[in-house]
Amino acid sequence: MFGIGVDIEKICRFQNKTQNNDLHFLKTIFTDAELAYSFSDTKSAQHLCARFCAKEATIKALYSLGLKSIPLNEIEILNNNDGVPQLKIKNYENLKTKVSLSHTTEDAIAFILIEKT
């Protein structure tokens, strides 16, 4: 069985977010590793928004498989050594996942494919 999810968002939703002023809000969505990755670049809003899209798309894919939703910060999207985004879902380690992220200067999009064996 496969579940799919897609989400698109405006990057401006994450523009001007900082770890100093918005840490509580950011930690409800992102893991520490995602925040470190996103804020290591001057385009942090694009990285944050693309990962937010992936989390929303993951929840849609889980629902399509009949699996319950989980908090956004229990879904983690980090790049592997080759720069390819990888998806980890807490308490759903047995699922096979694929993730695709893309963004322009204005929008970010994510597509998620989950295989339930």
PDB file of N, CA and C in Angstrom:
ATOM      1  N   MET A   1       0.838  -1.179   0.000  1.00  0.00           N
ATOM      2  CA  MET A   1       0.000   0.000   0.000  1.00  0.00           C
ATOM      3  C   MET A   1       0.888   1.248   0.000  1.00  0.00           C
ATOM      4  N   PHE A   2       0.459   2.222  -0.765  1.00  0.00           N
ATOM      5  CA  PHE A   2       1.190   3.483  -0.861  1.00  0.00           C
ATOM      6  C   PHE A   2       0.298   4.628  -0.392  1.00  0.00           C
ATOM      7  N   GLY A   3       0.906   5.576   0.280  1.00  0.00           N
ATOM      8  CA  GLY A   3       0.240   6.821   0.635  1.00  0.00           C
ATOM      9  C   GLY A   3       1.014   7.956  -0.006  1.00  0.00           C
ATOM     10  N   ILE A   4       0.288   8.935  -0.493  1.00  0.00           N
ATOM     11  CA  ILE A   4       0.952  10.095  -1.088  1.00  0.00           C
ATOM     12  C   ILE A   4       0.426  11.370  -0.436  1.00  0.00           C
ATOM     13  N   GLY A   5       1.271  12.380  -0.441  1.00  0.00           N
ATOM     14  CA  GLY A   5       0.883  13.676   0.081  1.00  0.00           C
ATOM     15  C   GLY A   5       1.673  14.761  -0.618  1.00  0.00           C
ATOM     16  N   VAL A   6       1.046  15.911  -0.779  1.00  0.00           N
ATOM     17  CA  VAL A   6       1.708  17.059  -1.385  1.00  0.00           C
ATOM     18  C   VAL A   6       1.250  18.306  -0.641  1.00  0.00           C
ATOM     19  N   ASP A   7       2.123  19.298  -0.560  1.00  0.00           N
ATOM     20  CA  ASP A   7       1.754  20.563   0.063  1.00  0.00           C
ATOM     21  C   ASP A   7       2.578  21.675  -0.568  1.00  0.00           C
ATOM     22  N   ILE A   8       1.975  22.833  -0.690  1.00  0.00           N
ATOM     23  CA  ILE A   8       2.646  24.022  -1.222  1.00  0.00           C
ATOM     24  C   ILE A   8       2.312  25.193  -0.308  1.00  0.00           C
ATOM     25  N   GLU A   9       3.299  26.013  -0.035  1.00  0.00           N
ATOM     26  CA  GLU A   9       3.129  27.154   0.867  1.00  0.00           C
ATOM     27  C   GLU A   9       3.925  28.353   0.358  1.00  0.00           C
ATOM     28  N   LYS A  10       3.531  29.531   0.808  1.00  0.00           N
ATOM     29  CA  LYS A  10       4.266  30.761   0.539  1.00  0.00           C
ATOM     30  C   LYS A  10       5.451  30.866   1.503  1.00  0.00           C
ATOM     31  N   ILE A  11       6.619  31.123   0.975  1.00  0.00           N
ATOM     32  CA  ILE A  11       7.825  31.236   1.791  1.00  0.00           C
ATOM     33  C   ILE A  11       7.726  32.411   2.762  1.00  0.00           C
ATOM     34  N   CYS A  12       6.981  33.424   2.424  1.00  0.00           N
ATOM     35  CA  CYS A  12       6.866  34.594   3.299  1.00  0.00           C
ATOM     36  C   CYS A  12       6.313  34.235   4.682  1.00  0.00           C
ATOM     37  N   ARG A  13       5.656  33.084   4.820  1.00  0.00           N
ATOM     38  CA  ARG A  13       5.169  32.639   6.137  1.00  0.00           C
ATOM     39  C   ARG A  13       6.323  32.458   7.120  1.00  0.00           C
ATOM     40  N   PHE A  14       7.525  32.168   6.599  1.00  0.00           N
ATOM     41  CA  PHE A  14       8.684  31.922   7.448  1.00  0.00           C
ATOM     42  C   PHE A  14       9.736  33.026   7.350  1.00  0.00           C
ATOM     43  N   GLN A  15       9.448  34.052   6.545  1.00  0.00           N
ATOM     44  CA  GLN A  15      10.358  35.188   6.430  1.00  0.00           C
ATOM     45  C   GLN A  15      10.433  35.891   7.781  1.00  0.00           C
ATOM     46  N   ASN A  16      11.589  36.331   8.147  1.00  0.00           N
ATOM     47  CA  ASN A  16      11.816  37.084   9.387  1.00  0.00           C
ATOM     48  C   ASN A  16      11.660  36.252  10.656  1.00  0.00           C
ATOM     49  N   LYS A  17      11.546  34.931  10.550  1.00  0.00           N
ATOM     50  CA  LYS A  17      11.545  34.080  11.745  1.00  0.00           C
ATOM     51  C   LYS A  17      12.991  33.889  12.186  1.00  0.00           C
ATOM     52  N   THR A  18      13.239  34.052  13.476  1.00  0.00           N
ATOM     53  CA  THR A  18      14.586  33.875  14.009  1.00  0.00           C
ATOM     54  C   THR A  18      14.530  32.942  15.210  1.00  0.00           C
ATOM     55  N   GLN A  19      15.670  32.331  15.493  1.00  0.00           N
ATOM     56  CA  GLN A  19      15.744  31.463  16.664  1.00  0.00           C
ATOM     57  C   GLN A  19      15.679  32.273  17.951  1.00  0.00           C
ATOM     58  N   ASN A  20      16.101  33.522  17.905  1.00  0.00           N
ATOM     59  CA  ASN A  20      16.047  34.368  19.102  1.00  0.00           C
ATOM     60  C   ASN A  20      14.622  34.778  19.450  1.00  0.00           C
ATOM     61  N   ASN A  21      13.842  35.174  18.452  1.00  0.00           N
ATOM     62  CA  ASN A  21      12.499  35.705  18.705  1.00  0.00           C
ATOM     63  C   ASN A  21      11.376  34.685  18.556  1.00  0.00           C
ATOM     64  N   ASP A  22      11.593  33.618  17.811  1.00  0.00           N
ATOM     65  CA  ASP A  22      10.500  32.710  17.467  1.00  0.00           C
ATOM     66  C   ASP A  22      10.784  31.255  17.840  1.00  0.00           C
ATOM     67  N   LEU A  23      11.680  31.023  18.780  1.00  0.00           N
ATOM     68  CA  LEU A  23      12.128  29.663  19.080  1.00  0.00           C
ATOM     69  C   LEU A  23      10.991  28.758  19.549  1.00  0.00           C
ATOM     70  N   HIS A  24      10.118  29.240  20.412  1.00  0.00           N
ATOM     71  CA  HIS A  24       9.008  28.404  20.890  1.00  0.00           C
ATOM     72  C   HIS A  24       8.137  27.955  19.716  1.00  0.00           C
ATOM     73  N   PHE A  25       7.764  28.887  18.866  1.00  0.00           N
ATOM     74  CA  PHE A  25       6.969  28.558  17.678  1.00  0.00           C
ATOM     75  C   PHE A  25       7.715  27.567  16.782  1.00  0.00           C
ATOM     76  N   LEU A  26       8.982  27.840  16.491  1.00  0.00           N
ATOM     77  CA  LEU A  26       9.756  26.983  15.592  1.00  0.00           C
ATOM     78  C   LEU A  26       9.908  25.567  16.141  1.00  0.00           C
ATOM     79  N   LYS A  27      10.074  25.423  17.457  1.00  0.00           N
ATOM     80  CA  LYS A  27      10.263  24.097  18.059  1.00  0.00           C
ATOM     81  C   LYS A  27       8.977  23.275  18.067  1.00  0.00           C
ATOM     82  N   THR A  28       7.819  23.901  17.882  1.00  0.00           N
ATOM     83  CA  THR A  28       6.586  23.124  17.769  1.00  0.00           C
ATOM     84  C   THR A  28       6.479  22.465  16.396  1.00  0.00           C
ATOM     85  N   ILE A  29       7.287  22.934  15.441  1.00  0.00           N
ATOM     86  CA  ILE A  29       7.241  22.412  14.069  1.00  0.00           C
ATOM     87  C   ILE A  29       8.501  21.623  13.726  1.00  0.00           C
ATOM     88  N   PHE A  30       9.670  22.142  14.096  1.00  0.00           N
ATOM     89  CA  PHE A  30      10.945  21.608  13.610  1.00  0.00           C
ATOM     90  C   PHE A  30      11.763  20.956  14.718  1.00  0.00           C
ATOM     91  N   THR A  31      12.609  20.003  14.312  1.00  0.00           N
ATOM     92  CA  THR A  31      13.567  19.402  15.247  1.00  0.00           C
ATOM     93  C   THR A  31      14.782  20.326  15.363  1.00  0.00           C
ATOM     94  N   ASP A  32      15.593  20.073  16.373  1.00  0.00           N
ATOM     95  CA  ASP A  32      16.814  20.874  16.551  1.00  0.00           C
ATOM     96  C   ASP A  32      17.727  20.760  15.334  1.00  0.00           C
ATOM     97  N   ALA A  33      17.831  19.555  14.773  1.00  0.00           N
ATOM     98  CA  ALA A  33      18.694  19.350  13.599  1.00  0.00           C
ATOM     99  C   ALA A  33      18.168  20.106  12.383  1.00  0.00           C
ATOM    100  N   GLU A  34      16.861  20.152  12.215  1.00  0.00           N
ATOM    101  CA  GLU A  34      16.284  20.907  11.090  1.00  0.00           C
ATOM    102  C   GLU A  34      16.532  22.400  11.256  1.00  0.00           C
ATOM    103  N   LEU A  35      16.392  22.884  12.467  1.00  0.00           N
ATOM    104  CA  LEU A  35      16.643  24.303  12.722  1.00  0.00           C
ATOM    105  C   LEU A  35      18.109  24.646  12.476  1.00  0.00           C
ATOM    106  N   ALA A  36      19.006  23.786  12.943  1.00  0.00           N
ATOM    107  CA  ALA A  36      20.437  24.026  12.721  1.00  0.00           C
ATOM    108  C   ALA A  36      20.743  24.069  11.232  1.00  0.00           C
ATOM    109  N   TYR A  37      20.201  23.139  10.468  1.00  0.00           N
ATOM    110  CA  TYR A  37      20.425  23.111   9.019  1.00  0.00           C
ATOM    111  C   TYR A  37      19.846  24.372   8.376  1.00  0.00           C
ATOM    112  N   SER A  38      18.609  24.683   8.678  1.00  0.00           N
ATOM    113  CA  SER A  38      17.929  25.804   8.020  1.00  0.00           C
ATOM    114  C   SER A  38      18.597  27.137   8.313  1.00  0.00           C
ATOM    115  N   PHE A  39      19.010  27.350   9.556  1.00  0.00           N
ATOM    116  CA  PHE A  39      19.608  28.626   9.925  1.00  0.00           C
ATOM    117  C   PHE A  39      21.101  28.697   9.634  1.00  0.00           C
ATOM    118  N   SER A  40      21.661  27.631   9.078  1.00  0.00           N
ATOM    119  CA  SER A  40      23.067  27.676   8.675  1.00  0.00           C
ATOM    120  C   SER A  40      23.233  28.340   7.315  1.00  0.00           C
ATOM    121  N   ASP A  41      22.140  28.724   6.699  1.00  0.00           N
ATOM    122  CA  ASP A  41      22.132  29.306   5.358  1.00  0.00           C
ATOM    123  C   ASP A  41      21.392  30.641   5.407  1.00  0.00           C
ATOM    124  N   THR A  42      21.737  31.545   4.520  1.00  0.00           N
ATOM    125  CA  THR A  42      21.046  32.838   4.468  1.00  0.00           C
ATOM    126  C   THR A  42      19.616  32.707   3.947  1.00  0.00           C
ATOM    127  N   LYS A  43      19.288  31.582   3.333  1.00  0.00           N
ATOM    128  CA  LYS A  43      17.935  31.351   2.808  1.00  0.00           C
ATOM    129  C   LYS A  43      17.140  30.475   3.767  1.00  0.00           C
ATOM    130  N   SER A  44      17.191  30.803   5.044  1.00  0.00           N
ATOM    131  CA  SER A  44      16.539  29.966   6.055  1.00  0.00           C
ATOM    132  C   SER A  44      15.033  29.845   5.826  1.00  0.00           C
ATOM    133  N   ALA A  45      14.373  30.892   5.373  1.00  0.00           N
ATOM    134  CA  ALA A  45      12.925  30.835   5.159  1.00  0.00           C
ATOM    135  C   ALA A  45      12.567  29.785   4.112  1.00  0.00           C
ATOM    136  N   GLN A  46      13.350  29.677   3.057  1.00  0.00           N
ATOM    137  CA  GLN A  46      13.094  28.668   2.032  1.00  0.00           C
ATOM    138  C   GLN A  46      13.257  27.263   2.597  1.00  0.00           C
ATOM    139  N   HIS A  47      14.307  27.046   3.383  1.00  0.00           N
ATOM    140  CA  HIS A  47      14.539  25.731   3.981  1.00  0.00           C
ATOM    141  C   HIS A  47      13.436  25.379   4.974  1.00  0.00           C
ATOM    142  N   LEU A  48      13.062  26.318   5.811  1.00  0.00           N
ATOM    143  CA  LEU A  48      12.002  26.075   6.781  1.00  0.00           C
ATOM    144  C   LEU A  48      10.678  25.779   6.085  1.00  0.00           C
ATOM    145  N   CYS A  49      10.354  26.569   5.106  1.00  0.00           N
ATOM    146  CA  CYS A  49       9.075  26.405   4.412  1.00  0.00           C
ATOM    147  C   CYS A  49       9.007  25.076   3.673  1.00  0.00           C
ATOM    148  N   ALA A  50      10.067  24.689   2.990  1.00  0.00           N
ATOM    149  CA  ALA A  50      10.083  23.409   2.268  1.00  0.00           C
ATOM    150  C   ALA A  50       9.906  22.250   3.248  1.00  0.00           C
ATOM    151  N   ARG A  51      10.544  22.319   4.410  1.00  0.00           N
ATOM    152  CA  ARG A  51      10.408  21.265   5.408  1.00  0.00           C
ATOM    153  C   ARG A  51       9.018  21.265   6.026  1.00  0.00           C
ATOM    154  N   PHE A  52       8.445  22.439   6.224  1.00  0.00           N
ATOM    155  CA  PHE A  52       7.068  22.511   6.706  1.00  0.00           C
ATOM    156  C   PHE A  52       6.130  21.840   5.702  1.00  0.00           C
ATOM    157  N   CYS A  53       6.324  22.129   4.425  1.00  0.00           N
ATOM    158  CA  CYS A  53       5.506  21.492   3.383  1.00  0.00           C
ATOM    159  C   CYS A  53       5.640  19.969   3.449  1.00  0.00           C
ATOM    160  N   ALA A  54       6.854  19.491   3.633  1.00  0.00           N
ATOM    161  CA  ALA A  54       7.084  18.045   3.699  1.00  0.00           C
ATOM    162  C   ALA A  54       6.368  17.435   4.903  1.00  0.00           C
ATOM    163  N   LYS A  55       6.350  18.131   6.005  1.00  0.00           N
ATOM    164  CA  LYS A  55       5.661  17.629   7.186  1.00  0.00           C
ATOM    165  C   LYS A  55       4.149  17.564   6.956  1.00  0.00           C
ATOM    166  N   GLU A  56       3.593  18.600   6.362  1.00  0.00           N
ATOM    167  CA  GLU A  56       2.163  18.607   6.047  1.00  0.00           C
ATOM    168  C   GLU A  56       1.827  17.501   5.039  1.00  0.00           C
ATOM    169  N   ALA A  57       2.667  17.331   4.029  1.00  0.00           N
ATOM    170  CA  ALA A  57       2.459  16.278   3.030  1.00  0.00           C
ATOM    171  C   ALA A  57       2.570  14.893   3.665  1.00  0.00           C
ATOM    172  N   THR A  58       3.473  14.743   4.636  1.00  0.00           N
ATOM    173  CA  THR A  58       3.628  13.476   5.342  1.00  0.00           C
ATOM    174  C   THR A  58       2.353  13.124   6.105  1.00  0.00           C
ATOM    175  N   ILE A  59       1.777  14.089   6.774  1.00  0.00           N
ATOM    176  CA  ILE A  59       0.533  13.849   7.507  1.00  0.00           C
ATOM    177  C   ILE A  59      -0.574  13.414   6.548  1.00  0.00           C
ATOM    178  N   LYS A  60      -0.653  14.039   5.385  1.00  0.00           N
ATOM    179  CA  LYS A  60      -1.642  13.637   4.379  1.00  0.00           C
ATOM    180  C   LYS A  60      -1.405  12.209   3.911  1.00  0.00           C
ATOM    181  N   ALA A  61      -0.144  11.856   3.687  1.00  0.00           N
ATOM    182  CA  ALA A  61       0.191  10.498   3.248  1.00  0.00           C
ATOM    183  C   ALA A  61      -0.137   9.482   4.336  1.00  0.00           C
ATOM    184  N   LEU A  62       0.150   9.817   5.588  1.00  0.00           N
ATOM    185  CA  LEU A  62      -0.185   8.911   6.693  1.00  0.00           C
ATOM    186  C   LEU A  62      -1.689   8.694   6.783  1.00  0.00           C
ATOM    187  N   TYR A  63      -2.459   9.768   6.678  1.00  0.00           N
ATOM    188  CA  TYR A  63      -3.918   9.647   6.700  1.00  0.00           C
ATOM    189  C   TYR A  63      -4.424   8.758   5.570  1.00  0.00           C
ATOM    190  N   SER A  64      -3.828   8.898   4.386  1.00  0.00           N
ATOM    191  CA  SER A  64      -4.296   8.085   3.251  1.00  0.00           C
ATOM    192  C   SER A  64      -4.021   6.598   3.461  1.00  0.00           C
ATOM    193  N   LEU A  65      -3.098   6.281   4.383  1.00  0.00           N
ATOM    194  CA  LEU A  65      -2.815   4.889   4.736  1.00  0.00           C
ATOM    195  C   LEU A  65      -3.588   4.437   5.974  1.00  0.00           C
ATOM    196  N   GLY A  66      -4.419   5.312   6.500  1.00  0.00           N
ATOM    197  CA  GLY A  66      -5.186   4.979   7.688  1.00  0.00           C
ATOM    198  C   GLY A  66      -4.385   5.078   8.973  1.00  0.00           C
ATOM    199  N   LEU A  67      -3.255   5.786   8.943  1.00  0.00           N
ATOM    200  CA  LEU A  67      -2.414   5.961  10.125  1.00  0.00           C
ATOM    201  C   LEU A  67      -2.714   7.307  10.759  1.00  0.00           C
ATOM    202  N   LYS A  68      -2.615   7.353  12.082  1.00  0.00           N
ATOM    203  CA  LYS A  68      -2.961   8.592  12.772  1.00  0.00           C
ATOM    204  C   LYS A  68      -1.893   9.659  12.600  1.00  0.00           C
ATOM    205  N   SER A  69      -2.331  10.860  12.760  1.00  0.00           N
ATOM    206  CA  SER A  69      -1.446  12.018  12.661  1.00  0.00           C
ATOM    207  C   SER A  69      -0.529  12.080  13.871  1.00  0.00           C
ATOM    208  N   ILE A  70       0.614  12.720  13.689  1.00  0.00           N
ATOM    209  CA  ILE A  70       1.562  12.925  14.776  1.00  0.00           C
ATOM    210  C   ILE A  70       1.982  14.392  14.778  1.00  0.00           C
ATOM    211  N   PRO A  71       2.559  14.859  15.877  1.00  0.00           N
ATOM    212  CA  PRO A  71       3.021  16.257  15.914  1.00  0.00           C
ATOM    213  C   PRO A  71       4.070  16.520  14.830  1.00  0.00           C
ATOM    214  N   LEU A  72       4.058  17.722  14.304  1.00  0.00           N
ATOM    215  CA  LEU A  72       4.983  18.087  13.230  1.00  0.00           C
ATOM    216  C   LEU A  72       6.439  17.899  13.629  1.00  0.00           C
ATOM    217  N   ASN A  73       6.775  18.153  14.887  1.00  0.00           N
ATOM    218  CA  ASN A  73       8.174  18.039  15.294  1.00  0.00           C
ATOM    219  C   ASN A  73       8.618  16.591  15.526  1.00  0.00           C
ATOM    220  N   GLU A  74       7.734  15.628  15.264  1.00  0.00           N
ATOM    221  CA  GLU A  74       8.111  14.214  15.277  1.00  0.00           C
ATOM    222  C   GLU A  74       8.356  13.690  13.860  1.00  0.00           C
ATOM    223  N   ILE A  75       8.279  14.590  12.913  1.00  0.00           N
ATOM    224  CA  ILE A  75       8.611  14.305  11.513  1.00  0.00           C
ATOM    225  C   ILE A  75       9.874  15.105  11.224  1.00  0.00           C
ATOM    226  N   GLU A  76      10.894  14.449  10.680  1.00  0.00           N
ATOM    227  CA  GLU A  76      12.163  15.135  10.451  1.00  0.00           C
ATOM    228  C   GLU A  76      12.615  14.945   9.012  1.00  0.00           C
ATOM    229  N   ILE A  77      13.004  16.042   8.373  1.00  0.00           N
ATOM    230  CA  ILE A  77      13.528  16.020   7.015  1.00  0.00           C
ATOM    231  C   ILE A  77      14.932  16.621   7.046  1.00  0.00           C
ATOM    232  N   LEU A  78      15.919  15.744   6.800  1.00  0.00           N
ATOM    233  CA  LEU A  78      17.311  16.169   6.736  1.00  0.00           C
ATOM    234  C   LEU A  78      17.931  15.622   5.465  1.00  0.00           C
ATOM    235  N   ASN A  79      18.964  16.281   4.986  1.00  0.00           N
ATOM    236  CA  ASN A  79      19.646  15.821   3.778  1.00  0.00           C
ATOM    237  C   ASN A  79      20.679  14.764   4.131  1.00  0.00           C
ATOM    238  N   ASN A  80      20.827  13.755   3.245  1.00  0.00           N
ATOM    239  CA  ASN A  80      21.896  12.772   3.439  1.00  0.00           C
ATOM    240  C   ASN A  80      23.214  13.358   2.934  1.00  0.00           C
ATOM    241  N   ASN A  81      24.261  12.566   2.921  1.00  0.00           N
ATOM    242  CA  ASN A  81      25.587  13.055   2.512  1.00  0.00           C
ATOM    243  C   ASN A  81      25.630  13.552   1.073  1.00  0.00           C
ATOM    244  N   ASP A  82      24.704  13.078   0.239  1.00  0.00           N
ATOM    245  CA  ASP A  82      24.646  13.516  -1.155  1.00  0.00           C
ATOM    246  C   ASP A  82      23.716  14.711  -1.349  1.00  0.00           C
ATOM    247  N   GLY A  83      23.145  15.225  -0.259  1.00  0.00           N
ATOM    248  CA  GLY A  83      22.246  16.369  -0.353  1.00  0.00           C
ATOM    249  C   GLY A  83      20.804  16.009  -0.649  1.00  0.00           C
ATOM    250  N   VAL A  84      20.485  14.717  -0.635  1.00  0.00           N
ATOM    251  CA  VAL A  84      19.120  14.252  -0.930  1.00  0.00           C
ATOM    252  C   VAL A  84      18.301  14.278   0.361  1.00  0.00           C
ATOM    253  N   PRO A  85      17.119  14.909   0.343  1.00  0.00           N
ATOM    254  CA  PRO A  85      16.295  14.937   1.553  1.00  0.00           C
ATOM    255  C   PRO A  85      15.836  13.527   1.947  1.00  0.00           C
ATOM    256  N   GLN A  86      15.892  13.268   3.243  1.00  0.00           N
ATOM    257  CA  GLN A  86      15.454  11.994   3.805  1.00  0.00           C
ATOM    258  C   GLN A  86      14.406  12.278   4.874  1.00  0.00           C
ATOM    259  N   LEU A  87      13.417  11.398   4.965  1.00  0.00           N
ATOM    260  CA  LEU A  87      12.301  11.571   5.883  1.00  0.00           C
ATOM    261  C   LEU A  87      12.373  10.537   6.993  1.00  0.00           C
ATOM    262  N   LYS A  88      12.274  11.002   8.241  1.00  0.00           N
ATOM    263  CA  LYS A  88      12.174  10.126   9.407  1.00  0.00           C
ATOM    264  C   LYS A  88      10.877  10.478  10.126  1.00  0.00           C
ATOM    265  N   ILE A  89      10.119   9.443  10.491  1.00  0.00           N
ATOM    266  CA  ILE A  89       8.857   9.651  11.207  1.00  0.00           C
ATOM    267  C   ILE A  89       8.935   8.890  12.520  1.00  0.00           C
ATOM    268  N   LYS A  90       8.885   9.606  13.628  1.00  0.00           N
ATOM    269  CA  LYS A  90       8.976   8.971  14.942  1.00  0.00           C
ATOM    270  C   LYS A  90       7.839   7.960  15.103  1.00  0.00           C
ATOM    271  N   ASN A  91       8.173   6.795  15.605  1.00  0.00           N
ATOM    272  CA  ASN A  91       7.238   5.690  15.844  1.00  0.00           C
ATOM    273  C   ASN A  91       6.701   5.045  14.571  1.00  0.00           C
ATOM    274  N   TYR A  92       7.216   5.433  13.412  1.00  0.00           N
ATOM    275  CA  TYR A  92       6.850   4.801  12.140  1.00  0.00           C
ATOM    276  C   TYR A  92       8.116   4.458  11.359  1.00  0.00           C
ATOM    277  N   GLU A  93       9.116   3.938  12.043  1.00  0.00           N
ATOM    278  CA  GLU A  93      10.392   3.630  11.405  1.00  0.00           C
ATOM    279  C   GLU A  93      10.295   2.517  10.362  1.00  0.00           C
ATOM    280  N   ASN A  94       9.238   1.700  10.427  1.00  0.00           N
ATOM    281  CA  ASN A  94       9.091   0.578   9.507  1.00  0.00           C
ATOM    282  C   ASN A  94       8.528   0.972   8.140  1.00  0.00           C
ATOM    283  N   LEU A  95       8.208   2.223   7.943  1.00  0.00           N
ATOM    284  CA  LEU A  95       7.671   2.681   6.661  1.00  0.00           C
ATOM    285  C   LEU A  95       8.812   3.069   5.726  1.00  0.00           C
ATOM    286  N   LYS A  96       8.641   2.760   4.439  1.00  0.00           N
ATOM    287  CA  LYS A  96       9.593   3.217   3.431  1.00  0.00           C
ATOM    288  C   LYS A  96       9.086   4.542   2.895  1.00  0.00           C
ATOM    289  N   THR A  97       9.978   5.528   2.809  1.00  0.00           N
ATOM    290  CA  THR A  97       9.543   6.867   2.418  1.00  0.00           C
ATOM    291  C   THR A  97      10.430   7.450   1.328  1.00  0.00           C
ATOM    292  N   LYS A  98       9.835   8.325   0.545  1.00  0.00           N
ATOM    293  CA  LYS A  98      10.541   9.139  -0.445  1.00  0.00           C
ATOM    294  C   LYS A  98      10.014  10.558  -0.313  1.00  0.00           C
ATOM    295  N   VAL A  99      10.925  11.509  -0.463  1.00  0.00           N
ATOM    296  CA  VAL A  99      10.546  12.915  -0.337  1.00  0.00           C
ATOM    297  C   VAL A  99      11.196  13.717  -1.451  1.00  0.00           C
ATOM    298  N   SER A 100      10.443  14.662  -1.976  1.00  0.00           N
ATOM    299  CA  SER A 100      10.973  15.597  -2.959  1.00  0.00           C
ATOM    300  C   SER A 100      10.586  17.002  -2.518  1.00  0.00           C
ATOM    301  N   LEU A 101      11.589  17.882  -2.436  1.00  0.00           N
ATOM    302  CA  LEU A 101      11.376  19.273  -2.051  1.00  0.00           C
ATOM    303  C   LEU A 101      11.797  20.180  -3.194  1.00  0.00           C
ATOM    304  N   SER A 102      11.084  21.295  -3.344  1.00  0.00           N
ATOM    305  CA  SER A 102      11.482  22.290  -4.325  1.00  0.00           C
ATOM    306  C   SER A 102      10.979  23.648  -3.861  1.00  0.00           C
ATOM    307  N   HIS A 103      11.653  24.700  -4.313  1.00  0.00           N
ATOM    308  CA  HIS A 103      11.189  26.041  -3.974  1.00  0.00           C
ATOM    309  C   HIS A 103      11.665  27.045  -5.009  1.00  0.00           C
ATOM    310  N   THR A 104      10.910  28.124  -5.080  1.00  0.00           N
ATOM    311  CA  THR A 104      11.311  29.305  -5.832  1.00  0.00           C
ATOM    312  C   THR A 104      11.595  30.376  -4.780  1.00  0.00           C
ATOM    313  N   THR A 105      11.692  31.600  -5.180  1.00  0.00           N
ATOM    314  CA  THR A 105      11.880  32.660  -4.189  1.00  0.00           C
ATOM    315  C   THR A 105      10.580  32.949  -3.430  1.00  0.00           C
ATOM    316  N   GLU A 106       9.447  32.517  -3.981  1.00  0.00           N
ATOM    317  CA  GLU A 106       8.150  32.823  -3.374  1.00  0.00           C
ATOM    318  C   GLU A 106       7.415  31.623  -2.784  1.00  0.00           C
ATOM    319  N   ASP A 107       7.587  30.443  -3.361  1.00  0.00           N
ATOM    320  CA  ASP A 107       6.823  29.267  -2.959  1.00  0.00           C
ATOM    321  C   ASP A 107       7.727  28.073  -2.698  1.00  0.00           C
ATOM    322  N   ALA A 108       7.245  27.187  -1.828  1.00  0.00           N
ATOM    323  CA  ALA A 108       7.916  25.905  -1.587  1.00  0.00           C
ATOM    324  C   ALA A 108       6.875  24.810  -1.751  1.00  0.00           C
ATOM    325  N   ILE A 109       7.350  23.638  -2.190  1.00  0.00           N
ATOM    326  CA  ILE A 109       6.453  22.498  -2.401  1.00  0.00           C
ATOM    327  C   ILE A 109       7.173  21.233  -1.969  1.00  0.00           C
ATOM    328  N   ALA A 110       6.392  20.269  -1.505  1.00  0.00           N
ATOM    329  CA  ALA A 110       6.948  18.971  -1.130  1.00  0.00           C
ATOM    330  C   ALA A 110       5.994  17.875  -1.575  1.00  0.00           C
ATOM    331  N   PHE A 111       6.572  16.777  -2.017  1.00  0.00           N
ATOM    332  CA  PHE A 111       5.823  15.577  -2.398  1.00  0.00           C
ATOM    333  C   PHE A 111       6.378  14.418  -1.583  1.00  0.00           C
ATOM    334  N   ILE A 112       5.479  13.645  -0.980  1.00  0.00           N
ATOM    335  CA  ILE A 112       5.862  12.526  -0.127  1.00  0.00           C
ATOM    336  C   ILE A 112       5.195  11.248  -0.641  1.00  0.00           C
ATOM    337  N   LEU A 113       5.968  10.196  -0.671  1.00  0.00           N
ATOM    338  CA  LEU A 113       5.468   8.857  -0.992  1.00  0.00           C
ATOM    339  C   LEU A 113       5.863   7.945   0.172  1.00  0.00           C
ATOM    340  N   ILE A 114       4.878   7.233   0.728  1.00  0.00           N
ATOM    341  CA  ILE A 114       5.122   6.328   1.840  1.00  0.00           C
ATOM    342  C   ILE A 114       4.600   4.958   1.463  1.00  0.00           C
ATOM    343  N   GLU A 115       5.440   3.946   1.679  1.00  0.00           N
ATOM    344  CA  GLU A 115       5.017   2.569   1.444  1.00  0.00           C
ATOM    345  C   GLU A 115       4.825   1.878   2.785  1.00  0.00           C
ATOM    346  N   LYS A 116       3.648   1.324   2.953  1.00  0.00           N
ATOM    347  CA  LYS A 116       3.325   0.574   4.159  1.00  0.00           C
ATOM    348  C   LYS A 116       3.420  -0.909   3.810  1.00  0.00           C
ATOM    349  N   THR A 117       4.351  -1.610   4.450  1.00  0.00           N
ATOM    350  CA  THR A 117       4.550  -3.024   4.122  1.00  0.00           C
ATOM    351  C   THR A 117       3.791  -3.922   5.057  1.00  0.00           C
TER     352      THR A 117
END
